[in-house]
Amino acid sequence: MQTGFEALRSAVEDLFMEDRAKARRVGLYLCRRYTGPKLKEIGAAYGVGESAVTQASRRVAKEMKQNASLRKSVGMLERELGL
């Protein structure tokens, strides 16, 4: 995987330390949106299949529309990582 991928994953895990499931979903969403690896590679890094990457990405995008706190947190990560 790419160095940027690992930095992204680490930053997400640090921010959502109290909620591992949310960290995983947001990590999958951001990796899919901003990094180069294919779905299969992203899924392998998180221990899930390609469809789980897609499903998590969709769920996070939908949740961000309804949850201002999550939207703010993801936006902060995007700025912090220069995405």
PDB file of N, CA and C in Angstrom:
ATOM      1  N   MET A   1       0.830  -1.185   0.000  1.00  0.00           N
ATOM      2  CA  MET A   1       0.000   0.000   0.000  1.00  0.00           C
ATOM      3  C   MET A   1       0.873   1.247   0.000  1.00  0.00           C
ATOM      4  N   GLN A   2       0.235   2.361  -0.206  1.00  0.00           N
ATOM      5  CA  GLN A   2       0.946   3.621  -0.282  1.00  0.00           C
ATOM      6  C   GLN A   2       1.161   4.211   1.100  1.00  0.00           C
ATOM      7  N   THR A   3       2.195   5.046   1.216  1.00  0.00           N
ATOM      8  CA  THR A   3       2.468   5.721   2.473  1.00  0.00           C
ATOM      9  C   THR A   3       1.289   6.599   2.870  1.00  0.00           C
ATOM     10  N   GLY A   4       0.692   7.311   1.903  1.00  0.00           N
ATOM     11  CA  GLY A   4      -0.454   8.158   2.177  1.00  0.00           C
ATOM     12  C   GLY A   4      -1.621   7.376   2.744  1.00  0.00           C
ATOM     13  N   PHE A   5      -1.792   6.162   2.272  1.00  0.00           N
ATOM     14  CA  PHE A   5      -2.848   5.279   2.762  1.00  0.00           C
ATOM     15  C   PHE A   5      -2.651   5.004   4.249  1.00  0.00           C
ATOM     16  N   GLU A   6      -1.427   4.689   4.632  1.00  0.00           N
ATOM     17  CA  GLU A   6      -1.143   4.380   6.036  1.00  0.00           C
ATOM     18  C   GLU A   6      -1.310   5.609   6.920  1.00  0.00           C
ATOM     19  N   ALA A   7      -0.896   6.778   6.430  1.00  0.00           N
ATOM     20  CA  ALA A   7      -1.067   8.016   7.189  1.00  0.00           C
ATOM     21  C   ALA A   7      -2.550   8.313   7.389  1.00  0.00           C
ATOM     22  N   LEU A   8      -3.327   8.105   6.356  1.00  0.00           N
ATOM     23  CA  LEU A   8      -4.760   8.334   6.424  1.00  0.00           C
ATOM     24  C   LEU A   8      -5.393   7.390   7.446  1.00  0.00           C
ATOM     25  N   ARG A   9      -5.055   6.159   7.350  1.00  0.00           N
ATOM     26  CA  ARG A   9      -5.622   5.156   8.258  1.00  0.00           C
ATOM     27  C   ARG A   9      -5.266   5.467   9.706  1.00  0.00           C
ATOM     28  N   SER A  10      -4.036   5.848   9.951  1.00  0.00           N
ATOM     29  CA  SER A  10      -3.581   6.176  11.293  1.00  0.00           C
ATOM     30  C   SER A  10      -4.305   7.405  11.844  1.00  0.00           C
ATOM     31  N   ALA A  11      -4.467   8.440  11.024  1.00  0.00           N
ATOM     32  CA  ALA A  11      -5.150   9.664  11.459  1.00  0.00           C
ATOM     33  C   ALA A  11      -6.611   9.382  11.801  1.00  0.00           C
ATOM     34  N   VAL A  12      -7.263   8.558  10.998  1.00  0.00           N
ATOM     35  CA  VAL A  12      -8.665   8.208  11.253  1.00  0.00           C
ATOM     36  C   VAL A  12      -8.779   7.430  12.556  1.00  0.00           C
ATOM     37  N   GLU A  13      -7.921   6.466  12.756  1.00  0.00           N
ATOM     38  CA  GLU A  13      -7.964   5.665  13.976  1.00  0.00           C
ATOM     39  C   GLU A  13      -7.699   6.519  15.212  1.00  0.00           C
ATOM     40  N   ASP A  14      -6.798   7.496  15.105  1.00  0.00           N
ATOM     41  CA  ASP A  14      -6.524   8.389  16.229  1.00  0.00           C
ATOM     42  C   ASP A  14      -7.740   9.249  16.560  1.00  0.00           C
ATOM     43  N   LEU A  15      -8.414   9.775  15.548  1.00  0.00           N
ATOM     44  CA  LEU A  15      -9.554  10.657  15.762  1.00  0.00           C
ATOM     45  C   LEU A  15     -10.760   9.915  16.340  1.00  0.00           C
ATOM     46  N   PHE A  16     -11.025   8.728  15.823  1.00  0.00           N
ATOM     47  CA  PHE A  16     -12.199   7.964  16.258  1.00  0.00           C
ATOM     48  C   PHE A  16     -11.808   6.822  17.194  1.00  0.00           C
ATOM     49  N   MET A  17     -10.849   7.077  18.040  1.00  0.00           N
ATOM     50  CA  MET A  17     -10.311   6.063  18.943  1.00  0.00           C
ATOM     51  C   MET A  17     -11.400   5.396  19.794  1.00  0.00           C
ATOM     52  N   GLU A  18     -12.417   6.180  20.195  1.00  0.00           N
ATOM     53  CA  GLU A  18     -13.458   5.671  21.074  1.00  0.00           C
ATOM     54  C   GLU A  18     -14.477   4.808  20.340  1.00  0.00           C
ATOM     55  N   ASP A  19     -14.499   4.871  19.025  1.00  0.00           N
ATOM     56  CA  ASP A  19     -15.490   4.126  18.238  1.00  0.00           C
ATOM     57  C   ASP A  19     -14.781   3.437  17.072  1.00  0.00           C
ATOM     58  N   ARG A  20     -14.305   2.234  17.329  1.00  0.00           N
ATOM     59  CA  ARG A  20     -13.512   1.503  16.326  1.00  0.00           C
ATOM     60  C   ARG A  20     -14.314   1.221  15.057  1.00  0.00           C
ATOM     61  N   ALA A  21     -15.597   0.945  15.197  1.00  0.00           N
ATOM     62  CA  ALA A  21     -16.414   0.654  14.021  1.00  0.00           C
ATOM     63  C   ALA A  21     -16.529   1.888  13.129  1.00  0.00           C
ATOM     64  N   LYS A  22     -16.725   3.045  13.753  1.00  0.00           N
ATOM     65  CA  LYS A  22     -16.820   4.281  12.981  1.00  0.00           C
ATOM     66  C   LYS A  22     -15.473   4.590  12.332  1.00  0.00           C
ATOM     67  N   ALA A  23     -14.387   4.354  13.053  1.00  0.00           N
ATOM     68  CA  ALA A  23     -13.043   4.584  12.494  1.00  0.00           C
ATOM     69  C   ALA A  23     -12.838   3.723  11.252  1.00  0.00           C
ATOM     70  N   ARG A  24     -13.280   2.513  11.319  1.00  0.00           N
ATOM     71  CA  ARG A  24     -13.139   1.594  10.186  1.00  0.00           C
ATOM     72  C   ARG A  24     -13.948   2.074   8.982  1.00  0.00           C
ATOM     73  N   ARG A  25     -15.205   2.449   9.223  1.00  0.00           N
ATOM     74  CA  ARG A  25     -16.065   2.925   8.129  1.00  0.00           C
ATOM     75  C   ARG A  25     -15.522   4.205   7.496  1.00  0.00           C
ATOM     76  N   VAL A  26     -15.133   5.154   8.334  1.00  0.00           N
ATOM     77  CA  VAL A  26     -14.604   6.419   7.812  1.00  0.00           C
ATOM     78  C   VAL A  26     -13.284   6.174   7.086  1.00  0.00           C
ATOM     79  N   GLY A  27     -12.461   5.298   7.629  1.00  0.00           N
ATOM     80  CA  GLY A  27     -11.206   4.954   6.964  1.00  0.00           C
ATOM     81  C   GLY A  27     -11.438   4.358   5.587  1.00  0.00           C
ATOM     82  N   LEU A  28     -12.384   3.458   5.488  1.00  0.00           N
ATOM     83  CA  LEU A  28     -12.719   2.858   4.199  1.00  0.00           C
ATOM     84  C   LEU A  28     -13.234   3.921   3.231  1.00  0.00           C
ATOM     85  N   TYR A  29     -14.089   4.807   3.729  1.00  0.00           N
ATOM     86  CA  TYR A  29     -14.640   5.887   2.904  1.00  0.00           C
ATOM     87  C   TYR A  29     -13.524   6.779   2.358  1.00  0.00           C
ATOM     88  N   LEU A  30     -12.645   7.239   3.241  1.00  0.00           N
ATOM     89  CA  LEU A  30     -11.581   8.155   2.810  1.00  0.00           C
ATOM     90  C   LEU A  30     -10.563   7.465   1.908  1.00  0.00           C
ATOM     91  N   CYS A  31     -10.238   6.226   2.212  1.00  0.00           N
ATOM     92  CA  CYS A  31      -9.296   5.489   1.357  1.00  0.00           C
ATOM     93  C   CYS A  31      -9.873   5.301  -0.038  1.00  0.00           C
ATOM     94  N   ARG A  32     -11.142   4.976  -0.090  1.00  0.00           N
ATOM     95  CA  ARG A  32     -11.777   4.779  -1.398  1.00  0.00           C
ATOM     96  C   ARG A  32     -11.820   6.090  -2.176  1.00  0.00           C
ATOM     97  N   ARG A  33     -12.101   7.154  -1.485  1.00  0.00           N
ATOM     98  CA  ARG A  33     -12.267   8.447  -2.149  1.00  0.00           C
ATOM     99  C   ARG A  33     -10.948   9.102  -2.549  1.00  0.00           C
ATOM    100  N   TYR A  34      -9.905   8.944  -1.729  1.00  0.00           N
ATOM    101  CA  TYR A  34      -8.699   9.744  -1.933  1.00  0.00           C
ATOM    102  C   TYR A  34      -7.410   8.984  -2.231  1.00  0.00           C
ATOM    103  N   THR A  35      -7.400   7.674  -2.140  1.00  0.00           N
ATOM    104  CA  THR A  35      -6.144   6.961  -2.396  1.00  0.00           C
ATOM    105  C   THR A  35      -6.244   6.151  -3.679  1.00  0.00           C
ATOM    106  N   GLY A  36      -5.116   5.703  -4.157  1.00  0.00           N
ATOM    107  CA  GLY A  36      -5.049   5.008  -5.422  1.00  0.00           C
ATOM    108  C   GLY A  36      -5.355   3.522  -5.425  1.00  0.00           C
ATOM    109  N   PRO A  37      -5.189   2.812  -4.312  1.00  0.00           N
ATOM    110  CA  PRO A  37      -5.414   1.360  -4.358  1.00  0.00           C
ATOM    111  C   PRO A  37      -6.816   0.988  -4.808  1.00  0.00           C
ATOM    112  N   LYS A  38      -6.920  -0.161  -5.406  1.00  0.00           N
ATOM    113  CA  LYS A  38      -8.215  -0.683  -5.850  1.00  0.00           C
ATOM    114  C   LYS A  38      -9.014  -1.150  -4.637  1.00  0.00           C
ATOM    115  N   LEU A  39     -10.312  -1.334  -4.840  1.00  0.00           N
ATOM    116  CA  LEU A  39     -11.186  -1.777  -3.754  1.00  0.00           C
ATOM    117  C   LEU A  39     -10.655  -3.037  -3.078  1.00  0.00           C
ATOM    118  N   LYS A  40     -10.157  -3.952  -3.875  1.00  0.00           N
ATOM    119  CA  LYS A  40      -9.643  -5.213  -3.339  1.00  0.00           C
ATOM    120  C   LYS A  40      -8.469  -4.967  -2.394  1.00  0.00           C
ATOM    121  N   GLU A  41      -7.585  -4.039  -2.757  1.00  0.00           N
ATOM    122  CA  GLU A  41      -6.420  -3.724  -1.923  1.00  0.00           C
ATOM    123  C   GLU A  41      -6.838  -3.019  -0.633  1.00  0.00           C
ATOM    124  N   ILE A  42      -7.770  -2.083  -0.748  1.00  0.00           N
ATOM    125  CA  ILE A  42      -8.257  -1.375   0.441  1.00  0.00           C
ATOM    126  C   ILE A  42      -8.927  -2.380   1.378  1.00  0.00           C
ATOM    127  N   GLY A  43      -9.771  -3.216   0.816  1.00  0.00           N
ATOM    128  CA  GLY A  43     -10.449  -4.230   1.616  1.00  0.00           C
ATOM    129  C   GLY A  43      -9.479  -5.172   2.305  1.00  0.00           C
ATOM    130  N   ALA A  44      -8.442  -5.572   1.605  1.00  0.00           N
ATOM    131  CA  ALA A  44      -7.450  -6.477   2.189  1.00  0.00           C
ATOM    132  C   ALA A  44      -6.758  -5.827   3.383  1.00  0.00           C
ATOM    133  N   ALA A  45      -6.474  -4.542   3.281  1.00  0.00           N
ATOM    134  CA  ALA A  45      -5.807  -3.834   4.374  1.00  0.00           C
ATOM    135  C   ALA A  45      -6.690  -3.757   5.618  1.00  0.00           C
ATOM    136  N   TYR A  46      -8.005  -3.736   5.407  1.00  0.00           N
ATOM    137  CA  TYR A  46      -8.941  -3.663   6.526  1.00  0.00           C
ATOM    138  C   TYR A  46      -9.539  -5.028   6.873  1.00  0.00           C
ATOM    139  N   GLY A  47      -9.195  -6.043   6.114  1.00  0.00           N
ATOM    140  CA  GLY A  47      -9.709  -7.380   6.381  1.00  0.00           C
ATOM    141  C   GLY A  47     -11.161  -7.578   5.967  1.00  0.00           C
ATOM    142  N   VAL A  48     -11.567  -6.869   4.894  1.00  0.00           N
ATOM    143  CA  VAL A  48     -12.939  -7.011   4.391  1.00  0.00           C
ATOM    144  C   VAL A  48     -12.901  -7.187   2.879  1.00  0.00           C
ATOM    145  N   GLY A  49     -14.032  -7.530   2.312  1.00  0.00           N
ATOM    146  CA  GLY A  49     -14.130  -7.695   0.869  1.00  0.00           C
ATOM    147  C   GLY A  49     -14.405  -6.383   0.158  1.00  0.00           C
ATOM    148  N   GLU A  50     -14.375  -6.454  -1.158  1.00  0.00           N
ATOM    149  CA  GLU A  50     -14.603  -5.270  -1.987  1.00  0.00           C
ATOM    150  C   GLU A  50     -15.983  -4.660  -1.748  1.00  0.00           C
ATOM    151  N   SER A  51     -16.978  -5.505  -1.626  1.00  0.00           N
ATOM    152  CA  SER A  51     -18.335  -4.988  -1.433  1.00  0.00           C
ATOM    153  C   SER A  51     -18.474  -4.267  -0.092  1.00  0.00           C
ATOM    154  N   ALA A  52     -17.747  -4.706   0.912  1.00  0.00           N
ATOM    155  CA  ALA A  52     -17.788  -4.034   2.218  1.00  0.00           C
ATOM    156  C   ALA A  52     -17.185  -2.641   2.130  1.00  0.00           C
ATOM    157  N   VAL A  53     -16.162  -2.470   1.295  1.00  0.00           N
ATOM    158  CA  VAL A  53     -15.559  -1.152   1.093  1.00  0.00           C
ATOM    159  C   VAL A  53     -16.595  -0.216   0.471  1.00  0.00           C
ATOM    160  N   THR A  54     -17.262  -0.703  -0.548  1.00  0.00           N
ATOM    161  CA  THR A  54     -18.287   0.091  -1.223  1.00  0.00           C
ATOM    162  C   THR A  54     -19.441   0.411  -0.282  1.00  0.00           C
ATOM    163  N   GLN A  55     -19.904  -0.575   0.444  1.00  0.00           N
ATOM    164  CA  GLN A  55     -21.032  -0.386   1.352  1.00  0.00           C
ATOM    165  C   GLN A  55     -20.688   0.602   2.466  1.00  0.00           C
ATOM    166  N   ALA A  56     -19.509   0.480   3.059  1.00  0.00           N
ATOM    167  CA  ALA A  56     -19.092   1.405   4.123  1.00  0.00           C
ATOM    168  C   ALA A  56     -18.984   2.820   3.580  1.00  0.00           C
ATOM    169  N   SER A  57     -18.454   2.956   2.378  1.00  0.00           N
ATOM    170  CA  SER A  57     -18.318   4.281   1.763  1.00  0.00           C
ATOM    171  C   SER A  57     -19.685   4.939   1.575  1.00  0.00           C
ATOM    172  N   ARG A  58     -20.633   4.179   1.088  1.00  0.00           N
ATOM    173  CA  ARG A  58     -21.986   4.710   0.887  1.00  0.00           C
ATOM    174  C   ARG A  58     -22.632   5.107   2.210  1.00  0.00           C
ATOM    175  N   ARG A  59     -22.456   4.265   3.216  1.00  0.00           N
ATOM    176  CA  ARG A  59     -23.056   4.553   4.520  1.00  0.00           C
ATOM    177  C   ARG A  59     -22.476   5.824   5.137  1.00  0.00           C
ATOM    178  N   VAL A  60     -21.167   5.986   5.045  1.00  0.00           N
ATOM    179  CA  VAL A  60     -20.532   7.179   5.610  1.00  0.00           C
ATOM    180  C   VAL A  60     -20.989   8.417   4.857  1.00  0.00           C
ATOM    181  N   ALA A  61     -21.040   8.350   3.536  1.00  0.00           N
ATOM    182  CA  ALA A  61     -21.499   9.498   2.749  1.00  0.00           C
ATOM    183  C   ALA A  61     -22.926   9.880   3.142  1.00  0.00           C
ATOM    184  N   LYS A  62     -23.784   8.897   3.323  1.00  0.00           N
ATOM    185  CA  LYS A  62     -25.170   9.151   3.725  1.00  0.00           C
ATOM    186  C   LYS A  62     -25.228   9.723   5.139  1.00  0.00           C
ATOM    187  N   GLU A  63     -24.449   9.143   6.043  1.00  0.00           N
ATOM    188  CA  GLU A  63     -24.445   9.607   7.431  1.00  0.00           C
ATOM    189  C   GLU A  63     -23.905  11.036   7.543  1.00  0.00           C
ATOM    190  N   MET A  64     -22.936  11.383   6.707  1.00  0.00           N
ATOM    191  CA  MET A  64     -22.375  12.732   6.738  1.00  0.00           C
ATOM    192  C   MET A  64     -23.427  13.777   6.350  1.00  0.00           C
ATOM    193  N   LYS A  65     -24.355  13.420   5.486  1.00  0.00           N
ATOM    194  CA  LYS A  65     -25.420  14.348   5.095  1.00  0.00           C
ATOM    195  C   LYS A  65     -26.347  14.666   6.262  1.00  0.00           C
ATOM    196  N   GLN A  66     -26.466  13.722   7.192  1.00  0.00           N
ATOM    197  CA  GLN A  66     -27.401  13.863   8.304  1.00  0.00           C
ATOM    198  C   GLN A  66     -26.725  14.222   9.627  1.00  0.00           C
ATOM    199  N   ASN A  67     -25.411  14.059   9.714  1.00  0.00           N
ATOM    200  CA  ASN A  67     -24.703  14.214  10.976  1.00  0.00           C
ATOM    201  C   ASN A  67     -23.614  15.282  10.841  1.00  0.00           C
ATOM    202  N   ALA A  68     -23.893  16.465  11.347  1.00  0.00           N
ATOM    203  CA  ALA A  68     -22.957  17.585  11.225  1.00  0.00           C
ATOM    204  C   ALA A  68     -21.639  17.320  11.952  1.00  0.00           C
ATOM    205  N   SER A  69     -21.700  16.617  13.055  1.00  0.00           N
ATOM    206  CA  SER A  69     -20.493  16.318  13.814  1.00  0.00           C
ATOM    207  C   SER A  69     -19.547  15.417  13.008  1.00  0.00           C
ATOM    208  N   LEU A  70     -20.105  14.405  12.383  1.00  0.00           N
ATOM    209  CA  LEU A  70     -19.292  13.516  11.547  1.00  0.00           C
ATOM    210  C   LEU A  70     -18.739  14.277  10.348  1.00  0.00           C
ATOM    211  N   ARG A  71     -19.570  15.103   9.733  1.00  0.00           N
ATOM    212  CA  ARG A  71     -19.147  15.906   8.585  1.00  0.00           C
ATOM    213  C   ARG A  71     -17.976  16.812   8.976  1.00  0.00           C
ATOM    214  N   LYS A  72     -18.061  17.409  10.146  1.00  0.00           N
ATOM    215  CA  LYS A  72     -16.996  18.285  10.639  1.00  0.00           C
ATOM    216  C   LYS A  72     -15.713  17.488  10.896  1.00  0.00           C
ATOM    217  N   SER A  73     -15.834  16.331  11.509  1.00  0.00           N
ATOM    218  CA  SER A  73     -14.673  15.487  11.799  1.00  0.00           C
ATOM    219  C   SER A  73     -13.977  15.020  10.521  1.00  0.00           C
ATOM    220  N   VAL A  74     -14.765  14.584   9.550  1.00  0.00           N
ATOM    221  CA  VAL A  74     -14.196  14.132   8.281  1.00  0.00           C
ATOM    222  C   VAL A  74     -13.546  15.303   7.552  1.00  0.00           C
ATOM    223  N   GLY A  75     -14.192  16.466   7.580  1.00  0.00           N
ATOM    224  CA  GLY A  75     -13.609  17.649   6.961  1.00  0.00           C
ATOM    225  C   GLY A  75     -12.282  18.034   7.603  1.00  0.00           C
ATOM    226  N   MET A  76     -12.212  17.917   8.922  1.00  0.00           N
ATOM    227  CA  MET A  76     -10.968  18.208   9.629  1.00  0.00           C
ATOM    228  C   MET A  76      -9.870  17.250   9.199  1.00  0.00           C
ATOM    229  N   LEU A  77     -10.201  15.970   9.089  1.00  0.00           N
ATOM    230  CA  LEU A  77      -9.227  14.979   8.621  1.00  0.00           C
ATOM    231  C   LEU A  77      -8.760  15.289   7.207  1.00  0.00           C
ATOM    232  N   GLU A  78      -9.691  15.659   6.342  1.00  0.00           N
ATOM    233  CA  GLU A  78      -9.346  15.983   4.956  1.00  0.00           C
ATOM    234  C   GLU A  78      -8.368  17.150   4.909  1.00  0.00           C
ATOM    235  N   ARG A  79      -8.617  18.168   5.697  1.00  0.00           N
ATOM    236  CA  ARG A  79      -7.709  19.333   5.728  1.00  0.00           C
ATOM    237  C   ARG A  79      -6.363  18.969   6.322  1.00  0.00           C
ATOM    238  N   GLU A  80      -6.391  18.231   7.431  1.00  0.00           N
ATOM    239  CA  GLU A  80      -5.168  17.824   8.115  1.00  0.00           C
ATOM    240  C   GLU A  80      -4.256  17.011   7.206  1.00  0.00           C
ATOM    241  N   LEU A  81      -4.860  16.163   6.400  1.00  0.00           N
ATOM    242  CA  LEU A  81      -4.096  15.277   5.521  1.00  0.00           C
ATOM    243  C   LEU A  81      -3.872  15.865   4.123  1.00  0.00           C
ATOM    244  N   GLY A  82      -4.415  17.051   3.898  1.00  0.00           N
ATOM    245  CA  GLY A  82      -4.245  17.687   2.606  1.00  0.00           C
ATOM    246  C   GLY A  82      -4.968  16.973   1.473  1.00  0.00           C
ATOM    247  N   LEU A  83      -6.150  16.464   1.766  1.00  0.00           N
ATOM    248  CA  LEU A  83      -6.916  15.706   0.772  1.00  0.00           C
ATOM    249  C   LEU A  83      -7.824  16.607  -0.040  1.00  0.00           C
TER     250      LEU A  83
END
